[in-house]
Amino acid sequence: MTQTAPQTSLLCCSSLNRAVYPFELQSRIRGARFASSETKTNRRKTKTNTMKTLLITSALIAGLFVNATTVSAITPPTALVSSVTSVTEPATYKLTVTFSNVNNRKGKIYIAVANDATSFGGSAFRKTRVEVPATGEISVSFETLPAGKYAVQVYQDLNDNEKLDMSGQMPTEPFGFSNVKMLMGPPDFTLCAFELTENKTINVSLIAM
């Protein structure tokens, strides 16, 4: 079965037939250390915890795309030609992602779908991008997804440089995760995951720091 390219309800996604997805931002959290002291105030501790959350969140979004290869078609099991028995293709479903809190109506939104904890923090299972229109709803669809658990991560590229911009350790462009409306701590696959057992529409709210 041939992979059906992701579609949007309003706009067509740009071609993504590249050997490597165009992200260059490296993970910022490896080796990071945060000073702690019994004499520090509660306010200082809160600021440190917030910075940890931002670092891990930024690394998740950036790292997801760094080594992502082009989307490959999922090849279903070949039907066995037999007079006795045959193998049917597994059921697949359509996932539609809509976006809210898109306050800057420009640039592109990059979307990655993870199907386990490994792809949530590494190469995306599926990915695409969509132009941000001046007005109206923004949505994108992923076809032929097998039943299972999935999580969605996104960011909005405001200046078309094809990466998540940072100021020091903080993202300066909007980002978002499925099931997350407000960033309370480092997101993970368990927090962001949802079951796909039928055609489904989810909403991702963008977060701007």
C-alpha atoms as a PDB file:
ATOM      1  CA  MET A   1       0.000   0.000   0.000  1.00  0.00           C
ATOM      2  CA  THR A   2       1.421   3.408  -0.962  1.00  0.00           C
ATOM      3  CA  GLN A   3       1.866   6.099   1.676  1.00  0.00           C
ATOM      4  CA  THR A   4      -0.630   8.904   1.230  1.00  0.00           C
ATOM      5  CA  ALA A   5       0.983  12.308   1.645  1.00  0.00           C
ATOM      6  CA  PRO A   6      -0.239  14.443   4.574  1.00  0.00           C
ATOM      7  CA  GLN A   7      -2.974  16.913   3.601  1.00  0.00           C
ATOM      8  CA  THR A   8      -4.356  20.076   5.111  1.00  0.00           C
ATOM      9  CA  SER A   9      -7.965  21.201   5.098  1.00  0.00           C
ATOM     10  CA  LEU A  10      -6.994  24.671   3.897  1.00  0.00           C
ATOM     11  CA  LEU A  11      -3.469  24.541   2.523  1.00  0.00           C
ATOM     12  CA  CYS A  12      -1.215  22.019   0.867  1.00  0.00           C
ATOM     13  CA  CYS A  13       1.972  21.133   2.715  1.00  0.00           C
ATOM     14  CA  SER A  14       5.274  21.877   0.991  1.00  0.00           C
ATOM     15  CA  SER A  15       7.235  19.025  -0.525  1.00  0.00           C
ATOM     16  CA  LEU A  16       9.292  17.161   2.064  1.00  0.00           C
ATOM     17  CA  ASN A  17      11.166  14.726  -0.177  1.00  0.00           C
ATOM     18  CA  ARG A  18      14.568  15.412   1.346  1.00  0.00           C
ATOM     19  CA  ALA A  19      17.150  13.009   2.658  1.00  0.00           C
ATOM     20  CA  VAL A  20      17.286  14.846   5.991  1.00  0.00           C
ATOM     21  CA  TYR A  21      14.665  17.099   7.500  1.00  0.00           C
ATOM     22  CA  PRO A  22      16.028  20.674   7.549  1.00  0.00           C
ATOM     23  CA  PHE A  23      16.740  21.218  11.214  1.00  0.00           C
ATOM     24  CA  GLU A  24      20.175  22.053  12.554  1.00  0.00           C
ATOM     25  CA  LEU A  25      19.438  22.923  16.179  1.00  0.00           C
ATOM     26  CA  GLN A  26      21.288  20.614  18.546  1.00  0.00           C
ATOM     27  CA  SER A  27      20.068  19.431  21.927  1.00  0.00           C
ATOM     28  CA  ARG A  28      20.846  21.919  24.663  1.00  0.00           C
ATOM     29  CA  ILE A  29      20.296  19.842  27.747  1.00  0.00           C
ATOM     30  CA  ARG A  30      23.117  17.283  27.577  1.00  0.00           C
ATOM     31  CA  GLY A  31      25.597  18.038  30.278  1.00  0.00           C
ATOM     32  CA  ALA A  32      23.541  20.916  31.679  1.00  0.00           C
ATOM     33  CA  ARG A  33      23.998  21.485  35.400  1.00  0.00           C
ATOM     34  CA  PHE A  34      21.959  23.618  37.702  1.00  0.00           C
ATOM     35  CA  ALA A  35      23.497  24.962  40.926  1.00  0.00           C
ATOM     36  CA  SER A  36      21.635  24.329  44.130  1.00  0.00           C
ATOM     37  CA  SER A  37      22.235  25.527  47.675  1.00  0.00           C
ATOM     38  CA  GLU A  38      20.397  25.334  50.947  1.00  0.00           C
ATOM     39  CA  THR A  39      20.807  29.086  51.315  1.00  0.00           C
ATOM     40  CA  LYS A  40      18.997  29.929  48.045  1.00  0.00           C
ATOM     41  CA  THR A  41      15.542  31.437  48.261  1.00  0.00           C
ATOM     42  CA  ASN A  42      12.355  29.681  47.142  1.00  0.00           C
ATOM     43  CA  ARG A  43      12.107  32.189  44.318  1.00  0.00           C
ATOM     44  CA  ARG A  44      15.546  31.163  43.032  1.00  0.00           C
ATOM     45  CA  LYS A  45      14.591  27.480  43.212  1.00  0.00           C
ATOM     46  CA  THR A  46      11.396  28.165  41.250  1.00  0.00           C
ATOM     47  CA  LYS A  47      13.377  30.013  38.571  1.00  0.00           C
ATOM     48  CA  THR A  48      15.816  27.098  38.314  1.00  0.00           C
ATOM     49  CA  ASN A  49      13.009  24.546  37.961  1.00  0.00           C
ATOM     50  CA  THR A  50      11.402  26.671  35.260  1.00  0.00           C
ATOM     51  CA  MET A  51      14.672  26.814  33.342  1.00  0.00           C
ATOM     52  CA  LYS A  52      15.027  23.025  33.550  1.00  0.00           C
ATOM     53  CA  THR A  53      11.562  22.634  32.111  1.00  0.00           C
ATOM     54  CA  LEU A  54      12.348  25.019  29.232  1.00  0.00           C
ATOM     55  CA  LEU A  55      15.641  23.299  28.485  1.00  0.00           C
ATOM     56  CA  ILE A  56      14.121  19.826  28.341  1.00  0.00           C
ATOM     57  CA  THR A  57      11.123  21.044  26.352  1.00  0.00           C
ATOM     58  CA  SER A  58      13.310  22.840  23.805  1.00  0.00           C
ATOM     59  CA  ALA A  59      15.547  19.802  23.439  1.00  0.00           C
ATOM     60  CA  LEU A  60      12.562  17.529  22.854  1.00  0.00           C
ATOM     61  CA  ILE A  61      11.213  19.693  20.056  1.00  0.00           C
ATOM     62  CA  ALA A  62      14.589  20.296  18.430  1.00  0.00           C
ATOM     63  CA  GLY A  63      15.893  16.759  18.859  1.00  0.00           C
ATOM     64  CA  LEU A  64      12.780  15.260  17.347  1.00  0.00           C
ATOM     65  CA  PHE A  65      13.620  16.711  13.955  1.00  0.00           C
ATOM     66  CA  VAL A  66      17.425  16.728  13.881  1.00  0.00           C
ATOM     67  CA  ASN A  67      17.948  13.242  12.451  1.00  0.00           C
ATOM     68  CA  ALA A  68      14.493  12.661  11.030  1.00  0.00           C
ATOM     69  CA  THR A  69      14.621  11.027   7.615  1.00  0.00           C
ATOM     70  CA  THR A  70      12.065  11.364   4.865  1.00  0.00           C
ATOM     71  CA  VAL A  71       8.709   9.738   5.459  1.00  0.00           C
ATOM     72  CA  SER A  72       8.662   6.165   4.253  1.00  0.00           C
ATOM     73  CA  ALA A  73       5.612   4.355   3.054  1.00  0.00           C
ATOM     74  CA  ILE A  74       4.338   1.783   5.522  1.00  0.00           C
ATOM     75  CA  THR A  75       4.283  -1.531   3.727  1.00  0.00           C
ATOM     76  CA  PRO A  76       1.435  -3.737   4.917  1.00  0.00           C
ATOM     77  CA  PRO A  77       1.887  -7.510   5.172  1.00  0.00           C
ATOM     78  CA  THR A  78       1.706  -9.171   1.778  1.00  0.00           C
ATOM     79  CA  ALA A  79      -1.487 -11.139   1.293  1.00  0.00           C
ATOM     80  CA  LEU A  80      -0.833 -14.861   1.071  1.00  0.00           C
ATOM     81  CA  VAL A  81      -2.148 -16.289  -2.146  1.00  0.00           C
ATOM     82  CA  SER A  82      -3.654 -19.561  -1.056  1.00  0.00           C
ATOM     83  CA  SER A  83      -6.758 -21.552  -1.665  1.00  0.00           C
ATOM     84  CA  VAL A  84      -6.912 -22.204   2.069  1.00  0.00           C
ATOM     85  CA  THR A  85      -6.211 -18.886   3.818  1.00  0.00           C
ATOM     86  CA  SER A  86      -5.093 -15.274   3.263  1.00  0.00           C
ATOM     87  CA  VAL A  87      -3.773 -12.412   5.396  1.00  0.00           C
ATOM     88  CA  THR A  88      -5.807  -9.203   5.374  1.00  0.00           C
ATOM     89  CA  GLU A  89      -4.205  -5.784   5.639  1.00  0.00           C
ATOM     90  CA  PRO A  90      -4.423  -4.136   9.083  1.00  0.00           C
ATOM     91  CA  ALA A  91      -6.897  -1.302   9.543  1.00  0.00           C
ATOM     92  CA  THR A  92      -5.493   2.214   9.306  1.00  0.00           C
ATOM     93  CA  TYR A  93      -6.917   5.563  10.352  1.00  0.00           C
ATOM     94  CA  LYS A  94      -6.700   9.270   9.621  1.00  0.00           C
ATOM     95  CA  LEU A  95      -5.351  11.732  12.210  1.00  0.00           C
ATOM     96  CA  THR A  96      -6.238  15.404  11.761  1.00  0.00           C
ATOM     97  CA  VAL A  97      -4.405  18.039  13.807  1.00  0.00           C
ATOM     98  CA  THR A  98      -5.845  21.533  14.252  1.00  0.00           C
ATOM     99  CA  PHE A  99      -4.053  24.457  15.881  1.00  0.00           C
ATOM    100  CA  SER A 100      -5.179  27.140  18.314  1.00  0.00           C
ATOM    101  CA  ASN A 101      -3.502  30.179  19.893  1.00  0.00           C
ATOM    102  CA  VAL A 102      -1.765  30.981  16.603  1.00  0.00           C
ATOM    103  CA  ASN A 103      -1.326  34.691  17.298  1.00  0.00           C
ATOM    104  CA  ASN A 104       1.391  35.347  14.718  1.00  0.00           C
ATOM    105  CA  ARG A 105      -0.213  34.671  11.366  1.00  0.00           C
ATOM    106  CA  LYS A 106       2.926  34.066   9.350  1.00  0.00           C
ATOM    107  CA  GLY A 107       5.589  31.482   8.650  1.00  0.00           C
ATOM    108  CA  LYS A 108       5.048  27.726   8.813  1.00  0.00           C
ATOM    109  CA  ILE A 109       4.069  25.213  11.467  1.00  0.00           C
ATOM    110  CA  TYR A 110       6.224  22.076  11.574  1.00  0.00           C
ATOM    111  CA  ILE A 111       4.443  18.965  12.852  1.00  0.00           C
ATOM    112  CA  ALA A 112       5.920  15.670  14.011  1.00  0.00           C
ATOM    113  CA  VAL A 113       4.055  12.531  15.074  1.00  0.00           C
ATOM    114  CA  ALA A 114       5.663  10.079  17.494  1.00  0.00           C
ATOM    115  CA  ASN A 115       4.428   6.522  18.029  1.00  0.00           C
ATOM    116  CA  ASP A 116       6.540   5.641  21.083  1.00  0.00           C
ATOM    117  CA  ALA A 117       8.883   7.178  23.652  1.00  0.00           C
ATOM    118  CA  THR A 118      11.893   6.704  21.366  1.00  0.00           C
ATOM    119  CA  SER A 119      10.437   8.602  18.426  1.00  0.00           C
ATOM    120  CA  PHE A 120       9.081  11.250  20.828  1.00  0.00           C
ATOM    121  CA  GLY A 121      12.640  12.208  21.742  1.00  0.00           C
ATOM    122  CA  GLY A 122      14.315  11.209  18.456  1.00  0.00           C
ATOM    123  CA  SER A 123      13.408  10.800  14.806  1.00  0.00           C
ATOM    124  CA  ALA A 124       9.757  11.457  14.024  1.00  0.00           C
ATOM    125  CA  PHE A 125       7.480   8.605  12.930  1.00  0.00           C
ATOM    126  CA  ARG A 126       5.639  11.000  10.567  1.00  0.00           C
ATOM    127  CA  LYS A 127       6.220  14.688   9.861  1.00  0.00           C
ATOM    128  CA  THR A 128       5.073  17.542   7.674  1.00  0.00           C
ATOM    129  CA  ARG A 129       4.691  21.323   7.634  1.00  0.00           C
ATOM    130  CA  VAL A 130       1.906  23.723   6.779  1.00  0.00           C
ATOM    131  CA  GLU A 131       1.809  27.376   5.759  1.00  0.00           C
ATOM    132  CA  VAL A 132       0.138  29.734   8.238  1.00  0.00           C
ATOM    133  CA  PRO A 133      -2.624  31.711   6.473  1.00  0.00           C
ATOM    134  CA  ALA A 134      -3.515  35.296   7.339  1.00  0.00           C
ATOM    135  CA  THR A 135      -6.906  34.172   8.662  1.00  0.00           C
ATOM    136  CA  GLY A 136      -8.911  31.019   9.179  1.00  0.00           C
ATOM    137  CA  GLU A 137      -8.421  27.592  10.691  1.00  0.00           C
ATOM    138  CA  ILE A 138      -5.168  25.706  10.232  1.00  0.00           C
ATOM    139  CA  SER A 139      -5.151  21.930  10.060  1.00  0.00           C
ATOM    140  CA  VAL A 140      -3.129  19.061   8.674  1.00  0.00           C
ATOM    141  CA  SER A 141      -3.961  15.367   8.227  1.00  0.00           C
ATOM    142  CA  PHE A 142      -1.928  12.170   8.439  1.00  0.00           C
ATOM    143  CA  GLU A 143      -3.415   9.252   6.529  1.00  0.00           C
ATOM    144  CA  THR A 144      -3.061   5.484   6.953  1.00  0.00           C
ATOM    145  CA  LEU A 145      -1.850   5.402  10.536  1.00  0.00           C
ATOM    146  CA  PRO A 146      -2.069   1.975  12.180  1.00  0.00           C
ATOM    147  CA  ALA A 147      -4.053   1.744  15.398  1.00  0.00           C
ATOM    148  CA  GLY A 148      -1.969   2.611  18.446  1.00  0.00           C
ATOM    149  CA  LYS A 149      -0.718   5.392  20.690  1.00  0.00           C
ATOM    150  CA  TYR A 150       0.585   8.631  19.210  1.00  0.00           C
ATOM    151  CA  ALA A 151       1.840  12.022  20.403  1.00  0.00           C
ATOM    152  CA  VAL A 152       2.201  15.243  18.412  1.00  0.00           C
ATOM    153  CA  GLN A 153       4.896  17.923  18.735  1.00  0.00           C
ATOM    154  CA  VAL A 154       4.923  21.189  16.779  1.00  0.00           C
ATOM    155  CA  TYR A 155       6.636  24.546  16.495  1.00  0.00           C
ATOM    156  CA  GLN A 156       5.970  27.660  14.415  1.00  0.00           C
ATOM    157  CA  ASP A 157       8.837  28.894  12.250  1.00  0.00           C
ATOM    158  CA  LEU A 158       8.145  32.636  12.162  1.00  0.00           C
ATOM    159  CA  ASN A 159      11.123  33.708  10.032  1.00  0.00           C
ATOM    160  CA  ASP A 160      11.361  30.756   7.588  1.00  0.00           C
ATOM    161  CA  ASN A 161      14.847  29.730   8.705  1.00  0.00           C
ATOM    162  CA  GLU A 162      13.671  26.119   9.155  1.00  0.00           C
ATOM    163  CA  LYS A 163      14.670  25.789  12.798  1.00  0.00           C
ATOM    164  CA  LEU A 164      13.399  26.568  16.283  1.00  0.00           C
ATOM    165  CA  ASP A 165      15.012  29.865  17.286  1.00  0.00           C
ATOM    166  CA  MET A 166      16.423  30.290  20.779  1.00  0.00           C
ATOM    167  CA  SER A 167      17.505  33.179  23.007  1.00  0.00           C
ATOM    168  CA  GLY A 168      20.092  31.595  25.241  1.00  0.00           C
ATOM    169  CA  GLN A 169      18.281  28.520  26.550  1.00  0.00           C
ATOM    170  CA  MET A 170      14.734  29.713  25.848  1.00  0.00           C
ATOM    171  CA  PRO A 171      12.697  29.196  22.664  1.00  0.00           C
ATOM    172  CA  THR A 172      11.650  32.448  21.021  1.00  0.00           C
ATOM    173  CA  GLU A 173       9.137  30.855  18.654  1.00  0.00           C
ATOM    174  CA  PRO A 174       5.799  29.210  19.571  1.00  0.00           C
ATOM    175  CA  PHE A 175       5.705  25.443  20.159  1.00  0.00           C
ATOM    176  CA  GLY A 176       3.191  22.887  21.380  1.00  0.00           C
ATOM    177  CA  PHE A 177       2.385  19.288  22.317  1.00  0.00           C
ATOM    178  CA  SER A 178      -0.743  17.177  22.182  1.00  0.00           C
ATOM    179  CA  ASN A 179      -2.626  17.132  25.530  1.00  0.00           C
ATOM    180  CA  VAL A 180      -0.613  20.133  26.790  1.00  0.00           C
ATOM    181  CA  LYS A 181      -2.327  23.511  27.096  1.00  0.00           C
ATOM    182  CA  MET A 182       0.070  25.006  29.651  1.00  0.00           C
ATOM    183  CA  LEU A 183       3.674  24.002  30.278  1.00  0.00           C
ATOM    184  CA  MET A 184       3.870  22.775  33.886  1.00  0.00           C
ATOM    185  CA  GLY A 185       6.910  20.522  33.502  1.00  0.00           C
ATOM    186  CA  PRO A 186       8.945  18.623  30.891  1.00  0.00           C
ATOM    187  CA  PRO A 187       6.474  16.784  28.628  1.00  0.00           C
ATOM    188  CA  ASP A 188       6.988  13.120  27.812  1.00  0.00           C
ATOM    189  CA  PHE A 189       5.348  10.562  25.548  1.00  0.00           C
ATOM    190  CA  THR A 190       3.046   9.246  28.289  1.00  0.00           C
ATOM    191  CA  LEU A 191       1.694  12.731  29.024  1.00  0.00           C
ATOM    192  CA  CYS A 192       1.193  13.674  25.378  1.00  0.00           C
ATOM    193  CA  ALA A 193      -0.020  10.330  24.007  1.00  0.00           C
ATOM    194  CA  PHE A 194      -3.540   9.497  22.859  1.00  0.00           C
ATOM    195  CA  GLU A 195      -5.152   6.368  21.441  1.00  0.00           C
ATOM    196  CA  LEU A 196      -5.944   6.146  17.732  1.00  0.00           C
ATOM    197  CA  THR A 197      -8.528   3.438  17.056  1.00  0.00           C
ATOM    198  CA  GLU A 198     -10.666   5.412  14.588  1.00  0.00           C
ATOM    199  CA  ASN A 199     -10.406   8.531  12.452  1.00  0.00           C
ATOM    200  CA  LYS A 200      -9.658  11.293  14.935  1.00  0.00           C
ATOM    201  CA  THR A 201      -9.167  15.068  15.209  1.00  0.00           C
ATOM    202  CA  ILE A 202      -7.030  16.609  17.969  1.00  0.00           C
ATOM    203  CA  ASN A 203      -6.123  20.213  18.769  1.00  0.00           C
ATOM    204  CA  VAL A 204      -2.670  21.508  19.677  1.00  0.00           C
ATOM    205  CA  SER A 205      -2.468  24.893  21.398  1.00  0.00           C
ATOM    206  CA  LEU A 206       0.723  26.835  20.673  1.00  0.00           C
ATOM    207  CA  ILE A 207       2.712  28.114  23.646  1.00  0.00           C
ATOM    208  CA  ALA A 208       4.734  31.323  23.380  1.00  0.00           C
ATOM    209  CA  MET A 209       7.354  32.157  26.025  1.00  0.00           C
END
